[in-house]
Amino acid sequence: MAVVAAEQSVDRDVAERRVNVWMTPQFWWRVLIVVVVLWGLVAAERRLAYFTTQSNVIVFGYYAGALYWMVRRATTAPPAPRLRGGVTVWILTTMIVSHVLLNHLENPLPGLVVADPADQLANRALFAVHYVVPVMVLLDWIAFGPHRVVRWRDIGWWVLYPFAYGMIFLWRALALPEVPDRFPYPFLDTDALGALGSFVAMLEVLAYIAVLSVIVILLDRLAAAVVGLVRDRGRARRPA
């Protein structure tokens, strides 16, 4: 009887820890991420050769899976936090490469209100996948835990996917000169830079991604410190 009572007590404790995720900001913020990224992908033509498309598809897959996980496990904690860190780095890479290397810091906002409806829709879809989704994912990373789960060595894994992307498309440009979208990005243009020049340019981009990864981890540590400080102050104010 004692064993049964103990098991029932454990079951009650587990049930108490279960969260009604439908009532949490984490759940609905991630629903919004899925909706925005899906709209951005379908509202205009997207080609899988581009890192923008791939990173947004990854965001969609991760957060759709996270929503299922949250409902199934009744928890606000997303699955695979280290993968979540990689997803955050990759989608931020999309924003920075687009804004800095491709658009040369040009203001994207005027394109949202052009006269032609088709151009306006395309520009808004591009704005969604290049700016809105990355910022939403970054806010999710900072605002919602778990924090202090990723490690500095995870940076190596996060850089591996962009490195593989670059190497595949370098090979593709050299081996398949007639393929569509042969040079998805200027630093992969082997005709202009040569194979070695493109490889060096790609390594420079990877170095920027590594720095971005460091920033993502530092933001995680800062968020954890802020949460800990708020928690400690809350405990200090409680009456003894």
Protein backbone atom coordinates (compact mmCIF):
# COMPACT_ATOMS: atom_id res chain seq x y z
CA MET A 1 0.00 0.00 0.00
CA ALA A 2 2.88 2.34 0.83
CA VAL A 3 4.39 1.76 -2.61
CA VAL A 4 1.08 2.50 -4.32
CA ALA A 5 0.66 5.68 -2.29
CA ALA A 6 4.17 6.79 -3.18
CA GLU A 7 3.54 6.16 -6.89
CA GLN A 8 0.29 8.12 -6.72
CA SER A 9 2.14 10.99 -5.05
CA VAL A 10 4.73 11.02 -7.84
CA ASP A 11 1.97 10.98 -10.44
CA ARG A 12 0.33 13.98 -8.77
CA ASP A 13 3.64 15.86 -8.70
CA VAL A 14 4.16 15.21 -12.40
CA ALA A 15 0.62 16.32 -13.18
CA GLU A 16 1.16 19.53 -11.21
CA ARG A 17 4.29 20.28 -13.25
CA ARG A 18 2.39 19.88 -16.50
CA VAL A 19 1.53 23.20 -18.11
CA ASN A 20 -1.52 24.24 -20.08
CA VAL A 21 0.59 25.36 -23.03
CA TRP A 22 -2.44 26.80 -24.83
CA MET A 23 -2.44 29.61 -22.25
CA THR A 24 1.26 30.47 -22.45
CA PRO A 25 2.96 33.27 -24.43
CA GLN A 26 5.64 30.81 -25.57
CA PHE A 27 3.11 28.70 -27.42
CA TRP A 28 1.37 31.53 -29.23
CA TRP A 29 4.61 33.32 -30.08
CA ARG A 30 5.86 30.15 -31.73
CA VAL A 31 2.54 29.73 -33.53
CA LEU A 32 3.05 33.22 -34.89
CA ILE A 33 6.57 32.32 -36.03
CA VAL A 34 5.22 29.33 -37.95
CA VAL A 35 2.45 31.42 -39.54
CA VAL A 36 4.79 34.24 -40.61
CA VAL A 37 7.46 31.96 -42.04
CA LEU A 38 4.87 29.90 -43.90
CA TRP A 39 3.31 33.02 -45.39
CA GLY A 40 6.72 34.35 -46.40
CA LEU A 41 7.59 31.10 -48.14
CA VAL A 42 4.34 30.73 -50.09
CA ALA A 43 3.54 34.38 -50.85
CA ALA A 44 6.30 34.62 -53.45
CA GLU A 45 8.47 32.26 -55.46
CA ARG A 46 11.14 30.62 -53.33
CA ARG A 47 13.98 28.50 -54.70
CA LEU A 48 15.57 25.89 -52.48
CA ALA A 49 19.04 26.74 -53.81
CA TYR A 50 19.03 29.86 -51.66
CA PHE A 51 20.16 29.79 -48.03
CA THR A 52 17.26 32.12 -47.26
CA THR A 53 14.75 29.50 -48.34
CA GLN A 54 16.56 26.65 -46.62
CA SER A 55 16.95 28.48 -43.31
CA ASN A 56 13.29 29.51 -43.30
CA VAL A 57 12.19 25.96 -44.10
CA ILE A 58 14.33 24.81 -41.16
CA VAL A 59 12.68 27.41 -38.91
CA PHE A 60 9.26 26.20 -40.01
CA GLY A 61 10.14 22.56 -39.41
CA TYR A 62 11.72 23.20 -36.02
CA TYR A 63 8.96 25.38 -34.61
CA ALA A 64 6.16 23.24 -36.01
CA GLY A 65 7.82 20.29 -34.31
CA ALA A 66 8.31 22.34 -31.15
CA LEU A 67 4.59 23.14 -30.99
CA TYR A 68 3.76 19.45 -31.27
CA TRP A 69 6.33 18.67 -28.57
CA MET A 70 4.95 21.34 -26.26
CA VAL A 71 1.38 20.09 -26.58
CA ARG A 72 2.36 16.44 -26.31
CA ARG A 73 4.60 16.96 -23.26
CA ALA A 74 2.58 19.81 -21.72
CA THR A 75 5.69 21.93 -21.38
CA THR A 76 6.83 25.36 -22.53
CA ALA A 77 10.40 24.13 -23.02
CA PRO A 78 11.17 23.57 -26.72
CA PRO A 79 12.92 20.37 -27.84
CA ALA A 80 16.61 20.04 -28.76
CA PRO A 81 17.83 23.37 -27.33
CA ARG A 82 21.20 23.06 -29.07
CA LEU A 83 19.47 22.61 -32.41
CA ARG A 84 17.36 25.62 -31.49
CA GLY A 85 20.58 27.58 -31.09
CA GLY A 86 21.67 26.50 -34.56
CA VAL A 87 18.30 27.45 -36.03
CA THR A 88 18.66 30.88 -34.42
CA VAL A 89 22.16 31.38 -35.85
CA TRP A 90 21.18 30.24 -39.35
CA ILE A 91 18.13 32.49 -39.66
CA LEU A 92 20.09 35.46 -38.29
CA THR A 93 22.74 34.69 -40.90
CA THR A 94 20.02 35.05 -43.53
CA MET A 95 19.14 38.51 -42.24
CA ILE A 96 22.71 39.77 -41.98
CA VAL A 97 23.90 38.39 -45.32
CA SER A 98 20.84 39.86 -47.03
CA HIS A 99 21.04 43.27 -45.38
CA VAL A 100 24.82 43.75 -45.40
CA LEU A 101 26.32 41.73 -48.26
CA LEU A 102 23.45 41.74 -50.77
CA ASN A 103 21.54 44.97 -50.10
CA HIS A 104 24.51 46.98 -48.77
CA LEU A 105 22.58 48.31 -45.76
CA GLU A 106 19.79 49.69 -47.94
CA ASN A 107 16.57 50.49 -46.10
CA PRO A 108 14.03 47.75 -47.01
CA LEU A 109 10.96 49.63 -45.75
CA PRO A 110 10.19 51.72 -48.88
CA GLY A 111 9.74 48.49 -50.87
CA LEU A 112 6.79 47.54 -48.68
CA VAL A 113 4.58 50.30 -50.11
CA VAL A 114 5.38 50.34 -53.84
CA ALA A 115 2.52 50.96 -56.26
CA ASP A 116 2.53 47.65 -58.12
CA PRO A 117 0.56 45.05 -56.08
CA ALA A 118 2.66 42.11 -57.30
CA ASP A 119 5.92 43.85 -56.43
CA GLN A 120 4.49 44.92 -53.09
CA LEU A 121 3.52 41.34 -52.22
CA ALA A 122 6.94 40.02 -53.27
CA ASN A 123 8.75 42.71 -51.27
CA ARG A 124 6.64 42.06 -48.19
CA ALA A 125 7.28 38.32 -48.44
CA LEU A 126 11.01 38.99 -48.76
CA PHE A 127 10.86 41.32 -45.78
CA ALA A 128 9.11 38.61 -43.76
CA VAL A 129 11.71 35.90 -44.44
CA HIS A 130 14.73 38.23 -44.25
CA TYR A 131 13.80 40.41 -41.29
CA VAL A 132 10.57 39.54 -39.45
CA VAL A 133 11.24 35.83 -38.98
CA PRO A 134 14.88 36.31 -37.82
CA VAL A 135 13.87 38.96 -35.29
CA MET A 136 11.01 36.81 -33.99
CA VAL A 137 13.30 33.80 -33.59
CA LEU A 138 15.91 35.93 -31.81
CA LEU A 139 13.28 37.27 -29.41
CA ASP A 140 12.13 33.71 -28.74
CA TRP A 141 15.75 32.77 -27.99
CA ILE A 142 16.22 35.65 -25.55
CA ALA A 143 12.83 35.77 -23.86
CA PHE A 144 12.07 32.08 -23.36
CA GLY A 145 14.21 29.35 -21.86
CA PRO A 146 15.81 27.10 -21.28
CA HIS A 147 18.96 29.18 -20.90
CA ARG A 148 22.53 28.05 -20.29
CA VAL A 149 21.95 24.77 -22.09
CA VAL A 150 24.12 25.47 -25.14
CA ARG A 151 27.90 25.28 -24.86
CA TRP A 152 30.71 27.11 -26.61
CA ARG A 153 31.64 23.92 -28.46
CA ASP A 154 28.20 23.94 -30.10
CA ILE A 155 29.47 26.74 -32.34
CA GLY A 156 31.37 24.14 -34.35
CA TRP A 157 28.11 22.30 -35.11
CA TRP A 158 26.29 25.51 -35.96
CA VAL A 159 28.93 26.52 -38.50
CA LEU A 160 28.98 23.05 -40.06
CA TYR A 161 25.71 23.48 -41.97
CA PRO A 162 26.67 26.80 -43.65
CA PHE A 163 30.07 25.31 -44.47
CA ALA A 164 28.45 22.27 -46.09
CA TYR A 165 26.06 24.55 -47.98
CA GLY A 166 28.95 26.60 -49.34
CA MET A 167 31.04 23.60 -50.32
CA ILE A 168 28.13 21.90 -52.10
CA PHE A 169 27.37 25.03 -54.10
CA LEU A 170 31.02 25.63 -54.93
CA TRP A 171 31.19 22.09 -56.33
CA ARG A 172 27.86 22.62 -58.07
CA ALA A 173 29.03 25.81 -59.76
CA LEU A 174 32.21 24.15 -61.02
CA ALA A 175 30.77 20.78 -62.01
CA LEU A 176 27.40 21.92 -63.41
CA PRO A 177 27.95 25.19 -65.30
CA GLU A 178 24.47 25.11 -66.89
CA VAL A 179 22.52 24.56 -63.68
CA PRO A 180 19.88 27.20 -62.75
CA ASP A 181 20.80 29.59 -59.92
CA ARG A 182 24.42 28.62 -60.39
CA PHE A 183 25.63 31.44 -58.14
CA PRO A 184 23.01 32.02 -55.42
CA TYR A 185 25.35 34.51 -53.71
CA PRO A 186 28.17 36.75 -55.02
CA PHE A 187 30.84 35.14 -52.83
CA LEU A 188 30.11 31.82 -54.55
CA ASP A 189 30.62 33.28 -58.04
CA THR A 190 33.54 31.20 -59.28
CA ASP A 191 33.48 32.94 -62.67
CA ALA A 192 34.23 36.30 -61.07
CA LEU A 193 36.37 35.18 -58.12
CA GLY A 194 37.79 31.86 -59.25
CA ALA A 195 37.48 28.67 -57.26
CA LEU A 196 40.10 29.72 -54.70
CA GLY A 197 38.68 33.22 -54.37
CA SER A 198 35.19 31.88 -53.78
CA PHE A 199 36.52 29.45 -51.18
CA VAL A 200 38.33 32.24 -49.33
CA ALA A 201 35.24 34.48 -49.51
CA MET A 202 33.15 31.63 -48.15
CA LEU A 203 35.58 31.19 -45.23
CA GLU A 204 35.20 34.89 -44.45
CA VAL A 205 31.44 34.49 -44.31
CA LEU A 206 31.87 31.47 -42.04
CA ALA A 207 34.07 33.55 -39.73
CA TYR A 208 31.23 36.09 -39.48
CA ILE A 209 28.81 33.27 -38.70
CA ALA A 210 31.14 32.05 -35.93
CA VAL A 211 31.16 35.57 -34.44
CA LEU A 212 27.37 35.66 -34.72
CA SER A 213 27.24 32.32 -32.88
CA VAL A 214 29.31 33.80 -30.06
CA ILE A 215 26.86 36.72 -29.84
CA VAL A 216 23.90 34.30 -29.71
CA ILE A 217 25.48 32.43 -26.80
CA LEU A 218 26.34 35.69 -25.02
CA LEU A 219 22.71 36.79 -25.36
CA ASP A 220 21.68 33.46 -23.86
CA ARG A 221 24.01 34.01 -20.91
CA LEU A 222 22.78 37.59 -20.47
CA ALA A 223 19.14 36.47 -20.53
CA ALA A 224 19.92 33.79 -17.94
CA ALA A 225 21.64 36.36 -15.71
CA VAL A 226 18.66 38.74 -15.95
CA VAL A 227 16.21 35.95 -15.14
CA GLY A 228 18.34 34.89 -12.16
CA LEU A 229 18.56 38.47 -10.90
CA VAL A 230 14.81 38.96 -11.14
CA ARG A 231 14.21 35.65 -9.37
CA ASP A 232 16.62 36.50 -6.56
CA ARG A 233 15.01 39.91 -6.02
CA GLY A 234 11.59 38.28 -5.94
CA ARG A 235 12.74 35.85 -3.27
CA ALA A 236 14.33 38.65 -1.24
CA ARG A 237 11.05 40.57 -1.16
CA ARG A 238 9.05 37.63 0.14
CA PRO A 239 8.24 37.84 3.86
CA ALA A 240 10.15 35.40 6.03
